[in-house]
Amino acid sequence: MGNETISITEISQPAELLAYIQDNSISIVMTDKEADMILGYLTGHDYTIGFCGADFYRGDLDEVPGEIVWNDYTVDDLIDTVCEWNYEMILEMDAERQDPKDMIDFSNKQSKYESLKEDEAVLDKLFDQTKYRSGIDKLAEELANQFIQNLNRSGAEIAVKALVADVRQPAVSGRAR
């Protein structure tokens, strides 16, 4: 979908994102600081968000130079994506801080790692309000019930092997951690 077919209002300020959420009766509760964090992650990954009426979109700033390529999106998707980016950045920074050039490099990377972990705590609370949280909870309950049935039927060793196989299957869209 190109932005030439509809007029999308780009969201660049936390208040604009909060207004969109409120105006469209979206059940996610977000502060100015949280909205600013979300927008910061988007900017850092060369994306933007916007809306046309009640429809929400994510724009890719990097796909076509000088043009924004818009795709249908939801606020749930937005939060899920930012959570994934944060998690990937935590993994990268953790690996980098394990192999510093010197103490100053370690200190800088440790500080960035701690900042990302602080972001993660905030983002996890937002993620808990999305549709993806209920899907993960449902999957966890199903896996637990299957494990108990296998444990009763086949014993601990087989039940554990079956659980590990089930966990490795990507059974729910959204954040897998």
C-alpha atoms as a PDB file:
ATOM      1  CA  MET A   1       0.000   0.000   0.000  1.00  0.00           C
ATOM      2  CA  GLY A   2       1.430   3.390  -0.895  1.00  0.00           C
ATOM      3  CA  ASN A   3       0.711   6.596   0.922  1.00  0.00           C
ATOM      4  CA  GLU A   4      -0.578   8.199  -2.281  1.00  0.00           C
ATOM      5  CA  THR A   5      -3.978   6.469  -1.938  1.00  0.00           C
ATOM      6  CA  ILE A   6      -4.910   7.835   1.485  1.00  0.00           C
ATOM      7  CA  SER A   7      -3.861  10.698   3.701  1.00  0.00           C
ATOM      8  CA  ILE A   8      -2.045   9.356   6.745  1.00  0.00           C
ATOM      9  CA  THR A   9      -1.409  11.633   9.712  1.00  0.00           C
ATOM     10  CA  GLU A  10       2.065  10.847  11.006  1.00  0.00           C
ATOM     11  CA  ILE A  11       2.538  10.501  14.773  1.00  0.00           C
ATOM     12  CA  SER A  12       5.775  12.052  16.010  1.00  0.00           C
ATOM     13  CA  GLN A  13       4.954  13.182  19.555  1.00  0.00           C
ATOM     14  CA  PRO A  14       3.959  11.124  22.623  1.00  0.00           C
ATOM     15  CA  ALA A  15       0.766  13.177  23.068  1.00  0.00           C
ATOM     16  CA  GLU A  16      -0.301  12.290  19.505  1.00  0.00           C
ATOM     17  CA  LEU A  17       0.108   8.564  20.163  1.00  0.00           C
ATOM     18  CA  LEU A  18      -1.782   8.846  23.453  1.00  0.00           C
ATOM     19  CA  ALA A  19      -4.564  10.801  21.741  1.00  0.00           C
ATOM     20  CA  TYR A  20      -4.888   8.139  19.024  1.00  0.00           C
ATOM     21  CA  ILE A  21      -5.127   5.407  21.696  1.00  0.00           C
ATOM     22  CA  GLN A  22      -7.756   7.358  23.649  1.00  0.00           C
ATOM     23  CA  ASP A  23      -9.742   8.510  20.614  1.00  0.00           C
ATOM     24  CA  ASN A  24     -10.030   4.922  19.360  1.00  0.00           C
ATOM     25  CA  SER A  25     -10.916   3.386  22.747  1.00  0.00           C
ATOM     26  CA  ILE A  26      -7.845   1.136  22.723  1.00  0.00           C
ATOM     27  CA  SER A  27      -7.538  -0.548  26.114  1.00  0.00           C
ATOM     28  CA  ILE A  28      -3.795   0.048  26.483  1.00  0.00           C
ATOM     29  CA  VAL A  29      -2.831   2.448  29.252  1.00  0.00           C
ATOM     30  CA  MET A  30       0.397   4.290  28.446  1.00  0.00           C
ATOM     31  CA  THR A  31       2.175   7.274  29.973  1.00  0.00           C
ATOM     32  CA  ASP A  32       3.871  10.131  28.099  1.00  0.00           C
ATOM     33  CA  LYS A  33       7.249   8.662  29.040  1.00  0.00           C
ATOM     34  CA  GLU A  34       6.279   5.205  27.729  1.00  0.00           C
ATOM     35  CA  ALA A  35       4.928   6.687  24.489  1.00  0.00           C
ATOM     36  CA  ASP A  36       8.168   8.645  24.089  1.00  0.00           C
ATOM     37  CA  MET A  37      10.173   5.427  24.594  1.00  0.00           C
ATOM     38  CA  ILE A  38       8.091   3.622  21.940  1.00  0.00           C
ATOM     39  CA  LEU A  39       8.577   6.483  19.465  1.00  0.00           C
ATOM     40  CA  GLY A  40      12.307   6.513  20.200  1.00  0.00           C
ATOM     41  CA  TYR A  41      12.655   2.836  19.343  1.00  0.00           C
ATOM     42  CA  LEU A  42      10.716   3.429  16.102  1.00  0.00           C
ATOM     43  CA  THR A  43      12.955   6.317  15.082  1.00  0.00           C
ATOM     44  CA  GLY A  44      16.054   4.291  15.932  1.00  0.00           C
ATOM     45  CA  HIS A  45      14.884   1.515  13.614  1.00  0.00           C
ATOM     46  CA  ASP A  46      13.862   3.874  10.755  1.00  0.00           C
ATOM     47  CA  TYR A  47      10.109   3.507  11.189  1.00  0.00           C
ATOM     48  CA  THR A  48       7.271   5.888  11.890  1.00  0.00           C
ATOM     49  CA  ILE A  49       3.605   5.406  12.748  1.00  0.00           C
ATOM     50  CA  GLY A  50       0.480   7.164  11.657  1.00  0.00           C
ATOM     51  CA  PHE A  51      -3.255   6.905  11.226  1.00  0.00           C
ATOM     52  CA  CYS A  52      -6.094   7.639   8.875  1.00  0.00           C
ATOM     53  CA  GLY A  53      -9.338   7.736  10.805  1.00  0.00           C
ATOM     54  CA  ALA A  54      -9.290   4.728  13.107  1.00  0.00           C
ATOM     55  CA  ASP A  55      -6.822   2.798  10.917  1.00  0.00           C
ATOM     56  CA  PHE A  56      -3.272   2.562  12.273  1.00  0.00           C
ATOM     57  CA  TYR A  57      -0.172   2.205  10.121  1.00  0.00           C
ATOM     58  CA  ARG A  58       3.559   1.696  10.403  1.00  0.00           C
ATOM     59  CA  GLY A  59       5.729   3.472   7.872  1.00  0.00           C
ATOM     60  CA  ASP A  60       9.103   2.147   6.730  1.00  0.00           C
ATOM     61  CA  LEU A  61      11.428   5.107   6.219  1.00  0.00           C
ATOM     62  CA  ASP A  62      14.252   2.977   4.844  1.00  0.00           C
ATOM     63  CA  GLU A  63      12.485   0.912   2.156  1.00  0.00           C
ATOM     64  CA  VAL A  64      12.155   3.542  -0.588  1.00  0.00           C
ATOM     65  CA  PRO A  65      14.420   6.607  -0.266  1.00  0.00           C
ATOM     66  CA  GLY A  66      12.420   9.811   0.116  1.00  0.00           C
ATOM     67  CA  GLU A  67       9.118   7.935   0.477  1.00  0.00           C
ATOM     68  CA  ILE A  68       7.338   6.282   3.392  1.00  0.00           C
ATOM     69  CA  VAL A  69       5.967   2.819   2.670  1.00  0.00           C
ATOM     70  CA  TRP A  70       2.910   2.340   4.908  1.00  0.00           C
ATOM     71  CA  ASN A  71       1.522  -1.014   6.111  1.00  0.00           C
ATOM     72  CA  ASP A  72      -1.545  -1.843   8.200  1.00  0.00           C
ATOM     73  CA  TYR A  73      -0.600  -2.148  11.845  1.00  0.00           C
ATOM     74  CA  THR A  74      -2.054  -2.150  15.352  1.00  0.00           C
ATOM     75  CA  VAL A  75      -0.947  -0.658  18.659  1.00  0.00           C
ATOM     76  CA  ASP A  76      -0.556  -4.275  19.911  1.00  0.00           C
ATOM     77  CA  ASP A  77       1.816  -4.944  16.990  1.00  0.00           C
ATOM     78  CA  LEU A  78       3.697  -1.745  17.777  1.00  0.00           C
ATOM     79  CA  ILE A  79       4.318  -2.726  21.388  1.00  0.00           C
ATOM     80  CA  ASP A  80       5.208  -6.302  20.417  1.00  0.00           C
ATOM     81  CA  THR A  81       7.729  -5.103  17.829  1.00  0.00           C
ATOM     82  CA  VAL A  82       9.387  -2.647  20.215  1.00  0.00           C
ATOM     83  CA  CYS A  83       9.616  -5.397  22.849  1.00  0.00           C
ATOM     84  CA  GLU A  84      11.350  -7.643  20.298  1.00  0.00           C
ATOM     85  CA  TRP A  85      13.787  -4.887  19.330  1.00  0.00           C
ATOM     86  CA  ASN A  86      14.590  -4.238  22.979  1.00  0.00           C
ATOM     87  CA  TYR A  87      15.188  -7.943  23.591  1.00  0.00           C
ATOM     88  CA  GLU A  88      17.499  -8.213  20.562  1.00  0.00           C
ATOM     89  CA  MET A  89      19.431  -5.140  21.699  1.00  0.00           C
ATOM     90  CA  ILE A  90      19.776  -6.607  25.219  1.00  0.00           C
ATOM     91  CA  LEU A  91      21.249  -9.797  23.769  1.00  0.00           C
ATOM     92  CA  GLU A  92      23.672  -7.824  21.572  1.00  0.00           C
ATOM     93  CA  MET A  93      24.772  -5.517  24.379  1.00  0.00           C
ATOM     94  CA  ASP A  94      25.163  -8.451  26.794  1.00  0.00           C
ATOM     95  CA  ALA A  95      27.508 -10.159  24.324  1.00  0.00           C
ATOM     96  CA  GLU A  96      29.447  -6.915  23.769  1.00  0.00           C
ATOM     97  CA  ARG A  97      29.894  -6.232  27.484  1.00  0.00           C
ATOM     98  CA  GLN A  98      31.301  -9.745  27.920  1.00  0.00           C
ATOM     99  CA  ASP A  99      34.184  -8.818  25.590  1.00  0.00           C
ATOM    100  CA  PRO A 100      35.150  -5.190  26.293  1.00  0.00           C
ATOM    101  CA  LYS A 101      38.233  -3.446  24.912  1.00  0.00           C
ATOM    102  CA  ASP A 102      39.014  -1.893  28.302  1.00  0.00           C
ATOM    103  CA  MET A 103      37.319  -0.793  31.539  1.00  0.00           C
ATOM    104  CA  ILE A 104      35.867   2.367  29.962  1.00  0.00           C
ATOM    105  CA  ASP A 105      34.360   0.288  27.150  1.00  0.00           C
ATOM    106  CA  PHE A 106      32.974  -2.170  29.702  1.00  0.00           C
ATOM    107  CA  SER A 107      31.495   0.653  31.773  1.00  0.00           C
ATOM    108  CA  ASN A 108      29.804   2.210  28.727  1.00  0.00           C
ATOM    109  CA  LYS A 109      28.393  -1.122  27.555  1.00  0.00           C
ATOM    110  CA  GLN A 110      27.300  -2.064  31.080  1.00  0.00           C
ATOM    111  CA  SER A 111      25.483   1.262  31.373  1.00  0.00           C
ATOM    112  CA  LYS A 112      23.729   0.739  28.007  1.00  0.00           C
ATOM    113  CA  TYR A 113      22.821  -2.836  29.035  1.00  0.00           C
ATOM    114  CA  GLU A 114      21.300  -1.614  32.310  1.00  0.00           C
ATOM    115  CA  SER A 115      19.352   1.080  30.446  1.00  0.00           C
ATOM    116  CA  LEU A 116      17.948  -1.525  28.041  1.00  0.00           C
ATOM    117  CA  LYS A 117      16.958  -3.737  30.987  1.00  0.00           C
ATOM    118  CA  GLU A 118      15.132  -0.762  32.541  1.00  0.00           C
ATOM    119  CA  ASP A 119      13.330  -0.257  29.223  1.00  0.00           C
ATOM    120  CA  GLU A 120      12.461  -3.954  29.224  1.00  0.00           C
ATOM    121  CA  ALA A 121      10.688  -3.677  32.589  1.00  0.00           C
ATOM    122  CA  VAL A 122       8.577  -0.788  31.261  1.00  0.00           C
ATOM    123  CA  LEU A 123       7.888  -2.522  27.944  1.00  0.00           C
ATOM    124  CA  ASP A 124       6.895  -5.773  29.656  1.00  0.00           C
ATOM    125  CA  LYS A 125       4.103  -3.915  31.477  1.00  0.00           C
ATOM    126  CA  LEU A 126       2.859  -2.542  28.161  1.00  0.00           C
ATOM    127  CA  PHE A 127       3.154  -5.964  26.521  1.00  0.00           C
ATOM    128  CA  ASP A 128       1.004  -7.450  29.296  1.00  0.00           C
ATOM    129  CA  GLN A 129      -1.863  -5.253  28.015  1.00  0.00           C
ATOM    130  CA  THR A 130      -1.672  -6.569  24.432  1.00  0.00           C
ATOM    131  CA  LYS A 131      -3.581  -9.366  22.758  1.00  0.00           C
ATOM    132  CA  TYR A 132      -0.332 -11.337  22.586  1.00  0.00           C
ATOM    133  CA  ARG A 133      -0.136 -11.755  26.377  1.00  0.00           C
ATOM    134  CA  SER A 134      -3.389 -13.718  26.481  1.00  0.00           C
ATOM    135  CA  GLY A 135      -2.137 -15.946  23.649  1.00  0.00           C
ATOM    136  CA  ILE A 136       1.053 -16.701  25.549  1.00  0.00           C
ATOM    137  CA  ASP A 137      -0.881 -17.386  28.754  1.00  0.00           C
ATOM    138  CA  LYS A 138      -3.207 -19.751  26.894  1.00  0.00           C
ATOM    139  CA  LEU A 139      -0.260 -21.571  25.309  1.00  0.00           C
ATOM    140  CA  ALA A 140       1.474 -21.903  28.694  1.00  0.00           C
ATOM    141  CA  GLU A 141      -1.673 -23.391  30.190  1.00  0.00           C
ATOM    142  CA  GLU A 142      -2.011 -25.870  27.298  1.00  0.00           C
ATOM    143  CA  LEU A 143       1.637 -26.926  27.627  1.00  0.00           C
ATOM    144  CA  ALA A 144       1.269 -27.376  31.383  1.00  0.00           C
ATOM    145  CA  ASN A 145      -1.857 -29.510  30.945  1.00  0.00           C
ATOM    146  CA  GLN A 146      -0.174 -31.658  28.267  1.00  0.00           C
ATOM    147  CA  PHE A 147       2.875 -32.070  30.505  1.00  0.00           C
ATOM    148  CA  ILE A 148       0.741 -33.258  33.428  1.00  0.00           C
ATOM    149  CA  GLN A 149      -1.123 -35.722  31.172  1.00  0.00           C
ATOM    150  CA  ASN A 150       2.164 -37.051  29.767  1.00  0.00           C
ATOM    151  CA  LEU A 151       3.637 -37.265  33.254  1.00  0.00           C
ATOM    152  CA  ASN A 152       0.705 -39.326  34.496  1.00  0.00           C
ATOM    153  CA  ARG A 153       0.682 -41.506  31.378  1.00  0.00           C
ATOM    154  CA  SER A 154       4.339 -41.956  30.467  1.00  0.00           C
ATOM    155  CA  GLY A 155       6.553 -40.847  33.338  1.00  0.00           C
ATOM    156  CA  ALA A 156       8.872 -37.890  33.863  1.00  0.00           C
ATOM    157  CA  GLU A 157      11.491 -38.533  31.162  1.00  0.00           C
ATOM    158  CA  ILE A 158       9.024 -38.818  28.274  1.00  0.00           C
ATOM    159  CA  ALA A 159       6.908 -35.942  29.611  1.00  0.00           C
ATOM    160  CA  VAL A 160       9.953 -33.639  29.727  1.00  0.00           C
ATOM    161  CA  LYS A 161      10.988 -34.604  26.177  1.00  0.00           C
ATOM    162  CA  ALA A 162       7.473 -33.902  24.894  1.00  0.00           C
ATOM    163  CA  LEU A 163       7.371 -30.541  26.697  1.00  0.00           C
ATOM    164  CA  VAL A 164      10.734 -29.496  25.235  1.00  0.00           C
ATOM    165  CA  ALA A 165       9.530 -30.439  21.732  1.00  0.00           C
ATOM    166  CA  ASP A 166       6.313 -28.424  22.225  1.00  0.00           C
ATOM    167  CA  VAL A 167       8.154 -25.366  23.545  1.00  0.00           C
ATOM    168  CA  ARG A 168      10.420 -25.326  20.492  1.00  0.00           C
ATOM    169  CA  GLN A 169       7.384 -25.087  18.175  1.00  0.00           C
ATOM    170  CA  PRO A 170       6.429 -21.460  17.408  1.00  0.00           C
ATOM    171  CA  ALA A 171       2.776 -21.887  18.339  1.00  0.00           C
ATOM    172  CA  VAL A 172       1.789 -18.265  18.891  1.00  0.00           C
ATOM    173  CA  SER A 173       2.519 -15.139  16.902  1.00  0.00           C
ATOM    174  CA  GLY A 174       3.979 -12.326  18.887  1.00  0.00           C
ATOM    175  CA  ARG A 175       6.857 -12.204  21.285  1.00  0.00           C
ATOM    176  CA  ALA A 176       8.568 -15.504  21.981  1.00  0.00           C
ATOM    177  CA  ARG A 177      10.711 -15.285  25.085  1.00  0.00           C
END
